[in-house]
Each structure stands twice: as C-alpha cells, then as structure tokens.
Amino acid sequence: MTRPKNGELQLKYLEKEEVYRLFRAIPADNLRDRLLFDLIYRHGLRRTEAAMMRKDWIHGSRIWIQRVKNSISQEYNLHPTSEKILKLYLTQRGDDANPFLFVSRESRVGHPISEGLIYHLFRKYAEKAGILPEKRFVHVLRHSIAVHLLNAGWDISDVQDWLGHRDIRNTSIYGKISNKRREMQFQKLLKSKEIANTLSGV
C-alpha cells in the first residue's frame, strides 16, 4: 500500500486478467511454483506463511494455515485446482524426509524454501507476465484475493475470516476498492418486496 499526498491509502492489487497472465508465465511443469503461488493467491498468504507450510498440515481436501502478525490460524478447504496441483506436486517430489511443503535445491536439509527466493520467483514471473513494476511484490496477491472475493459477493466478515484478520478494520480497506458487491446488493434491493414503496398512494 502507498499513501499519496492527499493522505488516502492506494492499495495495489491484480485484476483477474493479470492473475491469469501471471500463472501463464509459470511453466506448466513447474508444479512447485504453480502450487506455491496458487496457495498464496487463493488463501492470501504472506511469504512467511507460505514458506513455513508443512506437508503434515494437509488433511485430505483441507489445509492448516499458520498465520503470522497476530492473525488467526485455522484450517481451510482446498480449492479443487489447488488440490489437483498439490497431488501432482507431492507425487513428483516423492517421499522425501523434508517436512516442509515447499523446498528448493538451495534449502538446507530439513529447511523450507526461503522467503527471498519466493520474492525473486514472483518478480521473475510478474515481469514475464508484463505486470507493472509497482505490482511486482508477493503481497499483491493477498490484496488481490481480498478484492476478488468481495467482487464475488462475499460479505466483509467472510473475507475477514478467510484472510485470518483479527480486526475487521484491517479488512475494511478492501471494501473501499470493490463496489461490485454493493451494486449486486442494490439490484437485490430493487427486486425485494420487503422495502416500502414511498410512492404508494401518490
């Protein structure tokens, strides 16, 4: 987020088409990176949260996410696409002894992928996808899923729960960006028979 001269926060996020472009920039056979950024996007993960994920936090079609920054840790449903990539990735990895979900050739034995490498990979794919330089930071995916969920009609409290925010004020900033849900609710209002017609009797 940046704060311009007028004092209002300007939150950077990717439009849906930009997310498509980002994932098209990741080689189809690079299952680790596809899963890594799929989970970061779908669950609004911070780099630390993605790096610390462990294989034994996966239970069928659910995954435990350990949040940081005093956020709420909890178990989430896996999106079918995430689950599909996950199964392929784990099959490709084989039954190695490293307990962490994401590793690299540079990782020390028993250690996860580094946050620095996650940062480097995102910038590489974002540049390849033609994403604007000011949006080439991993946290933009967390902002993006929040806005996209609101655009999909989720209530602000549902987005709060999904991102693990302890304080809904941290979620409300996204509501200032997305007005699609407001428009959807207005259309429902127009069709509702529960709202008084002030023209009655006129």
N, C-alpha and C. Protein backbone atom coordinates (compact mmCIF):
# COMPACT_ATOMS: atom_id res chain seq x y z
N MET A 1 0.84 -1.18 0.00
CA MET A 1 0.00 0.00 0.00
C MET A 1 0.88 1.24 0.00
N THR A 2 0.43 2.24 -0.68
CA THR A 2 1.14 3.52 -0.70
C THR A 2 0.19 4.61 -0.25
N ARG A 3 0.76 5.70 0.26
CA ARG A 3 -0.06 6.81 0.74
C ARG A 3 0.30 8.06 -0.05
N PRO A 4 -0.56 8.51 -0.96
CA PRO A 4 -0.29 9.70 -1.76
C PRO A 4 -0.39 10.97 -0.93
N LYS A 5 -0.20 12.11 -1.56
CA LYS A 5 -0.18 13.38 -0.86
C LYS A 5 -1.51 13.70 -0.19
N ASN A 6 -2.61 13.21 -0.72
CA ASN A 6 -3.91 13.52 -0.11
C ASN A 6 -4.18 12.70 1.15
N GLY A 7 -3.25 11.78 1.49
CA GLY A 7 -3.37 11.03 2.73
C GLY A 7 -4.17 9.74 2.62
N GLU A 8 -4.82 9.49 1.48
CA GLU A 8 -5.62 8.28 1.31
C GLU A 8 -4.73 7.13 0.84
N LEU A 9 -5.00 5.94 1.39
CA LEU A 9 -4.23 4.77 1.00
C LEU A 9 -4.59 4.33 -0.41
N GLN A 10 -3.57 3.99 -1.18
CA GLN A 10 -3.79 3.41 -2.51
C GLN A 10 -3.30 1.98 -2.46
N LEU A 11 -4.21 1.05 -2.59
CA LEU A 11 -3.89 -0.36 -2.44
C LEU A 11 -3.68 -0.99 -3.82
N LYS A 12 -2.53 -1.63 -4.00
CA LYS A 12 -2.22 -2.27 -5.27
C LYS A 12 -2.74 -3.70 -5.28
N TYR A 13 -3.42 -4.08 -6.34
CA TYR A 13 -3.89 -5.45 -6.49
C TYR A 13 -3.93 -5.78 -7.97
N LEU A 14 -4.00 -7.08 -8.27
CA LEU A 14 -4.06 -7.54 -9.66
C LEU A 14 -5.50 -7.73 -10.09
N GLU A 15 -5.82 -7.25 -11.26
CA GLU A 15 -7.11 -7.57 -11.87
C GLU A 15 -7.11 -9.06 -12.23
N LYS A 16 -8.28 -9.63 -12.42
CA LYS A 16 -8.39 -11.06 -12.71
C LYS A 16 -7.54 -11.45 -13.93
N GLU A 17 -7.56 -10.63 -14.97
CA GLU A 17 -6.78 -10.93 -16.18
C GLU A 17 -5.28 -10.92 -15.89
N GLU A 18 -4.87 -10.07 -14.97
CA GLU A 18 -3.44 -10.04 -14.61
C GLU A 18 -3.05 -11.31 -13.86
N VAL A 19 -3.96 -11.84 -13.05
CA VAL A 19 -3.68 -13.10 -12.37
C VAL A 19 -3.53 -14.22 -13.40
N TYR A 20 -4.40 -14.24 -14.42
CA TYR A 20 -4.27 -15.23 -15.48
C TYR A 20 -2.91 -15.12 -16.16
N ARG A 21 -2.50 -13.91 -16.45
CA ARG A 21 -1.22 -13.70 -17.11
C ARG A 21 -0.05 -14.17 -16.25
N LEU A 22 -0.15 -13.91 -14.95
CA LEU A 22 0.90 -14.35 -14.04
C LEU A 22 1.06 -15.87 -14.08
N PHE A 23 -0.07 -16.58 -14.01
CA PHE A 23 0.03 -18.05 -13.97
C PHE A 23 0.40 -18.64 -15.33
N ARG A 24 0.08 -17.93 -16.39
CA ARG A 24 0.54 -18.40 -17.71
C ARG A 24 2.05 -18.24 -17.85
N ALA A 25 2.63 -17.36 -17.05
CA ALA A 25 4.07 -17.13 -17.10
C ALA A 25 4.85 -18.21 -16.35
N ILE A 26 4.16 -18.99 -15.52
CA ILE A 26 4.82 -20.07 -14.77
C ILE A 26 4.78 -21.33 -15.61
N PRO A 27 5.92 -21.96 -15.89
CA PRO A 27 5.93 -23.18 -16.71
C PRO A 27 4.96 -24.22 -16.17
N ALA A 28 4.23 -24.86 -17.06
CA ALA A 28 3.21 -25.84 -16.66
C ALA A 28 3.81 -27.00 -15.87
N ASP A 29 5.07 -27.35 -16.17
CA ASP A 29 5.68 -28.50 -15.49
C ASP A 29 6.38 -28.12 -14.19
N ASN A 30 6.37 -26.83 -13.85
CA ASN A 30 6.97 -26.40 -12.58
C ASN A 30 5.88 -26.41 -11.51
N LEU A 31 5.61 -27.62 -11.01
CA LEU A 31 4.49 -27.81 -10.09
C LEU A 31 4.70 -27.11 -8.75
N ARG A 32 5.94 -27.04 -8.31
CA ARG A 32 6.20 -26.36 -7.04
C ARG A 32 5.77 -24.90 -7.11
N ASP A 33 6.22 -24.20 -8.14
CA ASP A 33 5.92 -22.78 -8.24
C ASP A 33 4.44 -22.53 -8.53
N ARG A 34 3.84 -23.41 -9.32
CA ARG A 34 2.40 -23.25 -9.60
C ARG A 34 1.60 -23.41 -8.32
N LEU A 35 1.94 -24.42 -7.51
CA LEU A 35 1.24 -24.63 -6.24
C LEU A 35 1.54 -23.50 -5.25
N LEU A 36 2.79 -23.10 -5.19
CA LEU A 36 3.20 -22.04 -4.27
C LEU A 36 2.37 -20.78 -4.48
N PHE A 37 2.30 -20.30 -5.70
CA PHE A 37 1.60 -19.05 -5.94
C PHE A 37 0.08 -19.24 -6.02
N ASP A 38 -0.36 -20.47 -6.33
CA ASP A 38 -1.79 -20.77 -6.25
C ASP A 38 -2.28 -20.63 -4.82
N LEU A 39 -1.54 -21.21 -3.87
CA LEU A 39 -1.95 -21.14 -2.47
C LEU A 39 -1.80 -19.73 -1.91
N ILE A 40 -0.74 -19.03 -2.32
CA ILE A 40 -0.55 -17.65 -1.86
C ILE A 40 -1.73 -16.80 -2.31
N TYR A 41 -2.15 -16.97 -3.57
CA TYR A 41 -3.27 -16.19 -4.08
C TYR A 41 -4.59 -16.60 -3.43
N ARG A 42 -4.92 -17.88 -3.49
CA ARG A 42 -6.24 -18.33 -3.03
C ARG A 42 -6.45 -18.12 -1.53
N HIS A 43 -5.38 -18.22 -0.75
CA HIS A 43 -5.53 -18.10 0.70
C HIS A 43 -4.92 -16.82 1.26
N GLY A 44 -4.49 -15.93 0.38
CA GLY A 44 -3.96 -14.65 0.84
C GLY A 44 -2.78 -14.81 1.77
N LEU A 45 -1.83 -15.68 1.39
CA LEU A 45 -0.70 -15.96 2.27
C LEU A 45 0.37 -14.88 2.19
N ARG A 46 0.98 -14.62 3.31
CA ARG A 46 2.21 -13.84 3.34
C ARG A 46 3.37 -14.78 3.01
N ARG A 47 4.51 -14.22 2.61
CA ARG A 47 5.65 -15.06 2.25
C ARG A 47 6.06 -15.98 3.39
N THR A 48 6.07 -15.46 4.61
CA THR A 48 6.44 -16.27 5.77
C THR A 48 5.49 -17.44 5.94
N GLU A 49 4.20 -17.19 5.76
CA GLU A 49 3.18 -18.24 5.92
C GLU A 49 3.35 -19.33 4.87
N ALA A 50 3.67 -18.92 3.65
CA ALA A 50 3.86 -19.90 2.57
C ALA A 50 5.11 -20.73 2.82
N ALA A 51 6.18 -20.08 3.24
CA ALA A 51 7.45 -20.79 3.45
C ALA A 51 7.35 -21.81 4.57
N MET A 52 6.60 -21.50 5.62
CA MET A 52 6.56 -22.38 6.78
C MET A 52 5.56 -23.55 6.65
N MET A 53 4.81 -23.61 5.57
CA MET A 53 3.81 -24.67 5.43
C MET A 53 4.47 -26.05 5.42
N ARG A 54 3.83 -26.97 6.11
CA ARG A 54 4.37 -28.33 6.25
C ARG A 54 3.45 -29.34 5.57
N LYS A 55 4.04 -30.44 5.13
CA LYS A 55 3.26 -31.46 4.43
C LYS A 55 2.19 -32.08 5.33
N ASP A 56 2.51 -32.22 6.62
CA ASP A 56 1.53 -32.86 7.52
C ASP A 56 0.42 -31.91 7.96
N TRP A 57 0.40 -30.69 7.42
CA TRP A 57 -0.72 -29.78 7.66
C TRP A 57 -1.85 -29.99 6.65
N ILE A 58 -1.64 -30.93 5.74
CA ILE A 58 -2.65 -31.24 4.72
C ILE A 58 -3.42 -32.47 5.17
N HIS A 59 -4.75 -32.33 5.21
CA HIS A 59 -5.61 -33.44 5.64
C HIS A 59 -6.71 -33.61 4.60
N GLY A 60 -6.48 -34.50 3.65
CA GLY A 60 -7.46 -34.70 2.58
C GLY A 60 -7.60 -33.44 1.75
N SER A 61 -8.80 -32.88 1.74
CA SER A 61 -9.05 -31.68 0.94
C SER A 61 -9.02 -30.42 1.79
N ARG A 62 -8.36 -30.51 2.95
CA ARG A 62 -8.25 -29.35 3.83
C ARG A 62 -6.78 -29.09 4.17
N ILE A 63 -6.48 -27.83 4.49
CA ILE A 63 -5.10 -27.47 4.81
C ILE A 63 -5.08 -26.51 6.00
N TRP A 64 -4.15 -26.76 6.91
CA TRP A 64 -3.96 -25.87 8.05
C TRP A 64 -3.05 -24.73 7.63
N ILE A 65 -3.40 -23.50 7.97
CA ILE A 65 -2.56 -22.35 7.66
C ILE A 65 -2.20 -21.65 8.96
N GLN A 66 -0.91 -21.60 9.22
CA GLN A 66 -0.39 -20.91 10.40
C GLN A 66 -0.14 -19.46 10.03
N ARG A 67 -0.97 -18.57 10.54
CA ARG A 67 -0.86 -17.15 10.22
C ARG A 67 0.18 -16.47 11.11
N VAL A 68 0.70 -15.35 10.63
CA VAL A 68 1.64 -14.54 11.39
C VAL A 68 1.01 -13.17 11.64
N LYS A 69 1.75 -12.28 12.27
CA LYS A 69 1.29 -10.90 12.56
C LYS A 69 -0.01 -10.88 13.36
N ASN A 70 -0.09 -11.78 14.33
CA ASN A 70 -1.24 -11.84 15.24
C ASN A 70 -2.55 -12.15 14.52
N SER A 71 -2.46 -12.73 13.32
CA SER A 71 -3.67 -13.15 12.61
C SER A 71 -4.13 -14.50 13.14
N ILE A 72 -5.33 -14.91 12.75
CA ILE A 72 -5.94 -16.14 13.27
C ILE A 72 -5.58 -17.33 12.39
N SER A 73 -4.92 -18.33 12.98
CA SER A 73 -4.56 -19.56 12.27
C SER A 73 -5.75 -20.50 12.30
N GLN A 74 -5.99 -21.19 11.19
CA GLN A 74 -7.11 -22.12 11.13
C GLN A 74 -7.00 -23.03 9.90
N GLU A 75 -7.91 -23.98 9.83
CA GLU A 75 -7.93 -24.93 8.72
C GLU A 75 -8.90 -24.43 7.65
N TYR A 76 -8.51 -24.62 6.39
CA TYR A 76 -9.30 -24.14 5.26
C TYR A 76 -9.55 -25.27 4.27
N ASN A 77 -10.65 -25.14 3.54
CA ASN A 77 -10.88 -26.05 2.41
C ASN A 77 -9.93 -25.71 1.28
N LEU A 78 -9.45 -26.72 0.60
CA LEU A 78 -8.62 -26.52 -0.58
C LEU A 78 -9.50 -26.38 -1.81
N HIS A 79 -9.19 -25.43 -2.65
CA HIS A 79 -9.87 -25.31 -3.93
C HIS A 79 -9.53 -26.54 -4.77
N PRO A 80 -10.47 -27.09 -5.56
CA PRO A 80 -10.18 -28.28 -6.36
C PRO A 80 -8.93 -28.13 -7.24
N THR A 81 -8.69 -26.93 -7.76
CA THR A 81 -7.49 -26.72 -8.58
C THR A 81 -6.24 -26.86 -7.72
N SER A 82 -6.26 -26.27 -6.53
CA SER A 82 -5.12 -26.38 -5.61
C SER A 82 -4.87 -27.84 -5.25
N GLU A 83 -5.95 -28.55 -4.97
CA GLU A 83 -5.84 -29.96 -4.58
C GLU A 83 -5.23 -30.79 -5.70
N LYS A 84 -5.62 -30.50 -6.93
CA LYS A 84 -5.10 -31.24 -8.08
C LYS A 84 -3.59 -30.99 -8.25
N ILE A 85 -3.19 -29.73 -8.19
CA ILE A 85 -1.77 -29.41 -8.33
C ILE A 85 -0.98 -30.00 -7.17
N LEU A 86 -1.55 -29.94 -5.96
CA LEU A 86 -0.89 -30.47 -4.78
C LEU A 86 -0.58 -31.96 -4.93
N LYS A 87 -1.55 -32.72 -5.38
CA LYS A 87 -1.34 -34.16 -5.53
C LYS A 87 -0.25 -34.45 -6.56
N LEU A 88 -0.27 -33.73 -7.67
CA LEU A 88 0.76 -33.91 -8.70
C LEU A 88 2.13 -33.54 -8.16
N TYR A 89 2.18 -32.44 -7.41
CA TYR A 89 3.45 -31.96 -6.87
C TYR A 89 4.04 -32.95 -5.87
N LEU A 90 3.20 -33.47 -4.96
CA LEU A 90 3.70 -34.41 -3.96
C LEU A 90 4.14 -35.72 -4.60
N THR A 91 3.45 -36.13 -5.65
CA THR A 91 3.86 -37.33 -6.39
C THR A 91 5.21 -37.11 -7.04
N GLN A 92 5.38 -35.93 -7.62
CA GLN A 92 6.64 -35.59 -8.28
C GLN A 92 7.79 -35.54 -7.26
N ARG A 93 7.52 -34.99 -6.08
CA ARG A 93 8.54 -34.87 -5.03
C ARG A 93 8.94 -36.22 -4.47
N GLY A 94 7.99 -37.13 -4.39
CA GLY A 94 8.27 -38.41 -3.79
C GLY A 94 8.26 -38.32 -2.27
N ASP A 95 8.61 -39.39 -1.63
CA ASP A 95 8.53 -39.47 -0.17
C ASP A 95 9.86 -39.05 0.44
N ASP A 96 10.21 -37.76 0.28
CA ASP A 96 11.47 -37.30 0.87
C ASP A 96 11.25 -36.93 2.34
N ALA A 97 12.34 -36.74 3.05
CA ALA A 97 12.26 -36.56 4.50
C ALA A 97 11.99 -35.12 4.91
N ASN A 98 12.07 -34.16 4.00
CA ASN A 98 11.87 -32.76 4.38
C ASN A 98 10.40 -32.54 4.74
N PRO A 99 10.11 -32.07 5.95
CA PRO A 99 8.72 -31.92 6.38
C PRO A 99 8.00 -30.73 5.77
N PHE A 100 8.75 -29.80 5.18
CA PHE A 100 8.12 -28.60 4.65
C PHE A 100 7.55 -28.84 3.26
N LEU A 101 6.46 -28.14 2.96
CA LEU A 101 5.77 -28.32 1.69
C LEU A 101 6.59 -27.79 0.53
N PHE A 102 7.21 -26.64 0.72
CA PHE A 102 7.98 -26.03 -0.36
C PHE A 102 9.46 -25.98 0.00
N VAL A 103 10.26 -26.58 -0.86
CA VAL A 103 11.71 -26.63 -0.66
C VAL A 103 12.40 -26.21 -1.96
N SER A 104 13.68 -25.99 -1.87
CA SER A 104 14.46 -25.66 -3.07
C SER A 104 15.78 -26.40 -3.01
N ARG A 105 16.48 -26.38 -4.11
CA ARG A 105 17.79 -27.04 -4.14
C ARG A 105 18.77 -26.36 -3.19
N GLU A 106 18.51 -25.08 -2.92
CA GLU A 106 19.39 -24.33 -2.02
C GLU A 106 19.02 -24.50 -0.55
N SER A 107 17.84 -25.10 -0.29
CA SER A 107 17.40 -25.27 1.10
C SER A 107 18.34 -26.21 1.84
N ARG A 108 18.67 -25.83 3.08
CA ARG A 108 19.43 -26.76 3.90
C ARG A 108 18.54 -27.95 4.27
N VAL A 109 19.15 -29.06 4.62
CA VAL A 109 18.40 -30.27 4.96
C VAL A 109 17.41 -29.96 6.08
N GLY A 110 16.14 -30.29 5.84
CA GLY A 110 15.11 -30.08 6.84
C GLY A 110 14.63 -28.65 6.93
N HIS A 111 14.99 -27.79 5.95
CA HIS A 111 14.58 -26.40 5.97
C HIS A 111 13.67 -26.11 4.77
N PRO A 112 12.85 -25.07 4.88
CA PRO A 112 11.93 -24.73 3.79
C PRO A 112 12.58 -23.82 2.76
N ILE A 113 11.84 -23.56 1.71
CA ILE A 113 12.22 -22.56 0.72
C ILE A 113 12.39 -21.21 1.44
N SER A 114 13.29 -20.38 0.97
CA SER A 114 13.50 -19.10 1.64
C SER A 114 12.49 -18.06 1.16
N GLU A 115 12.19 -17.11 2.03
CA GLU A 115 11.29 -16.02 1.64
C GLU A 115 11.91 -15.19 0.52
N GLY A 116 13.24 -15.08 0.54
CA GLY A 116 13.93 -14.34 -0.52
C GLY A 116 13.73 -14.97 -1.88
N LEU A 117 13.74 -16.31 -1.95
CA LEU A 117 13.53 -16.99 -3.22
C LEU A 117 12.09 -16.81 -3.69
N ILE A 118 11.14 -16.86 -2.77
CA ILE A 118 9.74 -16.63 -3.14
C ILE A 118 9.60 -15.24 -3.76
N TYR A 119 10.23 -14.26 -3.14
CA TYR A 119 10.22 -12.88 -3.66
C TYR A 119 10.82 -12.83 -5.06
N HIS A 120 11.98 -13.47 -5.23
CA HIS A 120 12.66 -13.47 -6.53
C HIS A 120 11.80 -14.15 -7.60
N LEU A 121 11.21 -15.28 -7.28
CA LEU A 121 10.39 -16.01 -8.25
C LEU A 121 9.18 -15.19 -8.68
N PHE A 122 8.53 -14.55 -7.71
CA PHE A 122 7.35 -13.76 -8.06
C PHE A 122 7.73 -12.63 -9.00
N ARG A 123 8.80 -11.92 -8.69
CA ARG A 123 9.21 -10.81 -9.53
C ARG A 123 9.55 -11.30 -10.94
N LYS A 124 10.18 -12.46 -11.04
CA LYS A 124 10.53 -13.01 -12.35
C LYS A 124 9.28 -13.31 -13.17
N TYR A 125 8.30 -13.98 -12.57
CA TYR A 125 7.09 -14.32 -13.30
C TYR A 125 6.23 -13.08 -13.58
N ALA A 126 6.20 -12.16 -12.64
CA ALA A 126 5.42 -10.94 -12.83
C ALA A 126 5.99 -10.11 -13.98
N GLU A 127 7.31 -10.04 -14.04
CA GLU A 127 7.96 -9.31 -15.14
C GLU A 127 7.67 -9.98 -16.48
N LYS A 128 7.76 -11.31 -16.49
CA LYS A 128 7.47 -12.06 -17.72
C LYS A 128 6.02 -11.86 -18.16
N ALA A 129 5.12 -11.71 -17.20
CA ALA A 129 3.69 -11.54 -17.48
C ALA A 129 3.34 -10.10 -17.84
N GLY A 130 4.30 -9.20 -17.74
CA GLY A 130 4.04 -7.81 -18.07
C GLY A 130 3.28 -7.06 -16.98
N ILE A 131 3.39 -7.55 -15.74
CA ILE A 131 2.76 -6.86 -14.62
C ILE A 131 3.54 -5.57 -14.33
N LEU A 132 2.85 -4.50 -14.04
CA LEU A 132 3.50 -3.22 -13.78
C LEU A 132 4.51 -3.35 -12.62
N PRO A 133 5.65 -2.67 -12.70
CA PRO A 133 6.68 -2.78 -11.66
C PRO A 133 6.17 -2.54 -10.25
N GLU A 134 5.23 -1.59 -10.09
CA GLU A 134 4.74 -1.28 -8.75
C GLU A 134 3.84 -2.39 -8.17
N LYS A 135 3.52 -3.39 -8.98
CA LYS A 135 2.72 -4.51 -8.50
C LYS A 135 3.53 -5.80 -8.38
N ARG A 136 4.83 -5.69 -8.56
CA ARG A 136 5.67 -6.90 -8.55
C ARG A 136 6.17 -7.23 -7.15
N PHE A 137 5.24 -7.40 -6.23
CA PHE A 137 5.59 -7.84 -4.88
C PHE A 137 4.57 -8.89 -4.46
N VAL A 138 5.03 -9.91 -3.75
CA VAL A 138 4.20 -11.08 -3.44
C VAL A 138 2.91 -10.71 -2.72
N HIS A 139 2.98 -9.72 -1.83
CA HIS A 139 1.81 -9.35 -1.03
C HIS A 139 0.65 -8.85 -1.89
N VAL A 140 0.94 -8.50 -3.15
CA VAL A 140 -0.14 -8.03 -4.03
C VAL A 140 -1.18 -9.13 -4.24
N LEU A 141 -0.77 -10.40 -4.12
CA LEU A 141 -1.72 -11.50 -4.29
C LEU A 141 -2.70 -11.55 -3.12
N ARG A 142 -2.24 -11.20 -1.92
CA ARG A 142 -3.15 -11.15 -0.76
C ARG A 142 -4.18 -10.05 -0.96
N HIS A 143 -3.72 -8.88 -1.42
CA HIS A 143 -4.66 -7.80 -1.72
C HIS A 143 -5.64 -8.23 -2.81
N SER A 144 -5.12 -8.95 -3.80
CA SER A 144 -5.94 -9.32 -4.96
C SER A 144 -7.08 -10.25 -4.58
N ILE A 145 -6.78 -11.29 -3.78
CA ILE A 145 -7.85 -12.24 -3.46
C ILE A 145 -8.90 -11.56 -2.59
N ALA A 146 -8.49 -10.62 -1.74
CA ALA A 146 -9.47 -9.91 -0.91
C ALA A 146 -10.45 -9.13 -1.78
N VAL A 147 -9.92 -8.40 -2.76
CA VAL A 147 -10.78 -7.63 -3.66
C VAL A 147 -11.63 -8.56 -4.51
N HIS A 148 -11.05 -9.65 -4.99
CA HIS A 148 -11.80 -10.57 -5.85
C HIS A 148 -12.93 -11.26 -5.10
N LEU A 149 -12.70 -11.60 -3.83
CA LEU A 149 -13.76 -12.23 -3.03
C LEU A 149 -14.91 -11.26 -2.80
N LEU A 150 -14.59 -10.01 -2.55
CA LEU A 150 -15.65 -9.01 -2.40
C LEU A 150 -16.40 -8.82 -3.71
N ASN A 151 -15.68 -8.82 -4.82
CA ASN A 151 -16.32 -8.72 -6.14
C ASN A 151 -17.23 -9.91 -6.41
N ALA A 152 -16.88 -11.06 -5.81
CA ALA A 152 -17.68 -12.27 -5.99
C ALA A 152 -18.93 -12.27 -5.11
N GLY A 153 -19.06 -11.25 -4.24
CA GLY A 153 -20.25 -11.14 -3.42
C GLY A 153 -20.08 -11.56 -1.97
N TRP A 154 -18.82 -11.86 -1.57
CA TRP A 154 -18.60 -12.23 -0.17
C TRP A 154 -18.84 -11.04 0.74
N ASP A 155 -19.36 -11.30 1.91
CA ASP A 155 -19.51 -10.28 2.93
C ASP A 155 -18.14 -9.94 3.50
N ILE A 156 -17.97 -8.71 3.97
CA ILE A 156 -16.68 -8.27 4.51
C ILE A 156 -16.23 -9.15 5.67
N SER A 157 -17.19 -9.66 6.46
CA SER A 157 -16.84 -10.53 7.60
C SER A 157 -16.33 -11.89 7.11
N ASP A 158 -16.83 -12.36 5.95
CA ASP A 158 -16.34 -13.61 5.39
C ASP A 158 -14.91 -13.45 4.89
N VAL A 159 -14.62 -12.31 4.28
CA VAL A 159 -13.26 -12.04 3.81
C VAL A 159 -12.32 -11.90 5.01
N GLN A 160 -12.80 -11.28 6.07
CA GLN A 160 -12.01 -11.18 7.30
C GLN A 160 -11.61 -12.57 7.79
N ASP A 161 -12.58 -13.47 7.83
CA ASP A 161 -12.32 -14.83 8.29
C ASP A 161 -11.34 -15.54 7.35
N TRP A 162 -11.52 -15.35 6.04
CA TRP A 162 -10.68 -16.04 5.05
C TRP A 162 -9.22 -15.60 5.15
N LEU A 163 -9.00 -14.31 5.40
CA LEU A 163 -7.64 -13.78 5.49
C LEU A 163 -7.03 -13.95 6.88
N GLY A 164 -7.87 -14.33 7.84
CA GLY A 164 -7.37 -14.51 9.20
C GLY A 164 -7.19 -13.21 9.96
N HIS A 165 -7.84 -12.14 9.51
CA HIS A 165 -7.74 -10.86 10.21
C HIS A 165 -8.41 -10.96 11.58
N ARG A 166 -7.74 -10.51 12.60
CA ARG A 166 -8.33 -10.48 13.94
C ARG A 166 -9.25 -9.26 14.09
N ASP A 167 -8.90 -8.18 13.40
CA ASP A 167 -9.65 -6.93 13.48
C ASP A 167 -10.24 -6.62 12.11
N ILE A 168 -11.56 -6.49 12.05
CA ILE A 168 -12.23 -6.27 10.76
C ILE A 168 -11.83 -4.94 10.12
N ARG A 169 -11.26 -4.04 10.90
CA ARG A 169 -10.81 -2.78 10.32
C ARG A 169 -9.68 -3.01 9.31
N ASN A 170 -8.92 -4.10 9.51
CA ASN A 170 -7.87 -4.43 8.55
C ASN A 170 -8.44 -4.93 7.23
N THR A 171 -9.67 -5.44 7.28
CA THR A 171 -10.33 -5.95 6.08
C THR A 171 -11.11 -4.86 5.36
N SER A 172 -11.58 -3.90 6.11
CA SER A 172 -12.48 -2.89 5.56
C SER A 172 -11.82 -2.04 4.47
N ILE A 173 -10.49 -1.98 4.45
CA ILE A 173 -9.82 -1.19 3.41
C ILE A 173 -10.13 -1.72 2.02
N TYR A 174 -10.39 -3.04 1.93
CA TYR A 174 -10.69 -3.63 0.62
C TYR A 174 -12.09 -3.25 0.15
N GLY A 175 -12.97 -3.01 1.11
CA GLY A 175 -14.33 -2.62 0.76
C GLY A 175 -14.39 -1.27 0.07
N LYS A 176 -13.36 -0.45 0.29
CA LYS A 176 -13.32 0.86 -0.35
C LYS A 176 -12.91 0.76 -1.81
N ILE A 177 -12.37 -0.40 -2.19
CA ILE A 177 -11.92 -0.60 -3.57
C ILE A 177 -12.99 -1.30 -4.39
N SER A 178 -13.64 -2.29 -3.80
CA SER A 178 -14.63 -3.08 -4.52
C SER A 178 -16.04 -2.52 -4.30
N ASN A 179 -16.70 -2.12 -5.36
CA ASN A 179 -18.10 -1.69 -5.24
C ASN A 179 -19.04 -2.65 -5.97
N LYS A 180 -18.47 -3.77 -6.49
CA LYS A 180 -19.30 -4.71 -7.23
C LYS A 180 -20.35 -5.34 -6.32
N ARG A 181 -19.95 -5.68 -5.08
CA ARG A 181 -20.92 -6.29 -4.16
C ARG A 181 -22.03 -5.30 -3.83
N ARG A 182 -21.67 -4.04 -3.66
CA ARG A 182 -22.67 -3.02 -3.39
C ARG A 182 -23.68 -2.93 -4.53
N GLU A 183 -23.18 -3.02 -5.75
CA GLU A 183 -24.06 -2.98 -6.92
C GLU A 183 -24.98 -4.20 -6.95
N MET A 184 -24.42 -5.38 -6.61
CA MET A 184 -25.22 -6.60 -6.58
C MET A 184 -26.33 -6.50 -5.53
N GLN A 185 -25.97 -5.97 -4.36
CA GLN A 185 -26.95 -5.83 -3.29
C GLN A 185 -28.04 -4.83 -3.68
N PHE A 186 -27.65 -3.78 -4.41
CA PHE A 186 -28.64 -2.80 -4.84
C PHE A 186 -29.65 -3.42 -5.80
N GLN A 187 -29.17 -4.31 -6.68
CA GLN A 187 -30.08 -4.98 -7.62
C GLN A 187 -31.06 -5.87 -6.86
N LYS A 188 -30.59 -6.51 -5.78
CA LYS A 188 -31.49 -7.31 -4.94
C LYS A 188 -32.52 -6.42 -4.27
N LEU A 189 -32.06 -5.24 -3.83
CA LEU A 189 -32.96 -4.29 -3.18
C LEU A 189 -34.08 -3.89 -4.11
N LEU A 190 -33.76 -3.66 -5.38
CA LEU A 190 -34.77 -3.24 -6.35
C LEU A 190 -35.86 -4.29 -6.53
N LYS A 191 -35.47 -5.57 -6.36
CA LYS A 191 -36.42 -6.66 -6.58
C LYS A 191 -37.15 -7.07 -5.30
N SER A 192 -36.68 -6.58 -4.16
CA SER A 192 -37.23 -7.00 -2.88
C SER A 192 -38.62 -6.42 -2.64
N LYS A 193 -39.50 -7.24 -2.05
CA LYS A 193 -40.84 -6.79 -1.68
C LYS A 193 -40.89 -6.39 -0.20
N GLU A 194 -39.72 -6.43 0.45
CA GLU A 194 -39.64 -6.09 1.87
C GLU A 194 -39.41 -4.59 2.09
N ILE A 195 -39.06 -3.88 1.02
CA ILE A 195 -38.76 -2.44 1.14
C ILE A 195 -40.03 -1.66 0.79
N ALA A 196 -40.36 -0.70 1.65
CA ALA A 196 -41.57 0.09 1.42
C ALA A 196 -41.48 0.92 0.15
N ASN A 197 -42.60 0.99 -0.57
CA ASN A 197 -42.68 1.80 -1.76
C ASN A 197 -43.21 3.18 -1.36
N THR A 198 -42.36 4.16 -1.39
CA THR A 198 -42.74 5.51 -0.92
C THR A 198 -43.67 6.23 -1.88
N LEU A 199 -43.92 5.63 -3.05
CA LEU A 199 -44.85 6.24 -4.00
C LEU A 199 -46.27 5.73 -3.82
N SER A 200 -46.44 4.78 -2.88
CA SER A 200 -47.79 4.24 -2.65
C SER A 200 -48.76 5.36 -2.28
N GLY A 201 -49.85 5.40 -2.95
CA GLY A 201 -50.88 6.38 -2.66
C GLY A 201 -50.64 7.71 -3.34
N VAL A 202 -49.56 7.81 -4.12
CA VAL A 202 -49.29 9.07 -4.81
C VAL A 202 -49.94 9.05 -6.19
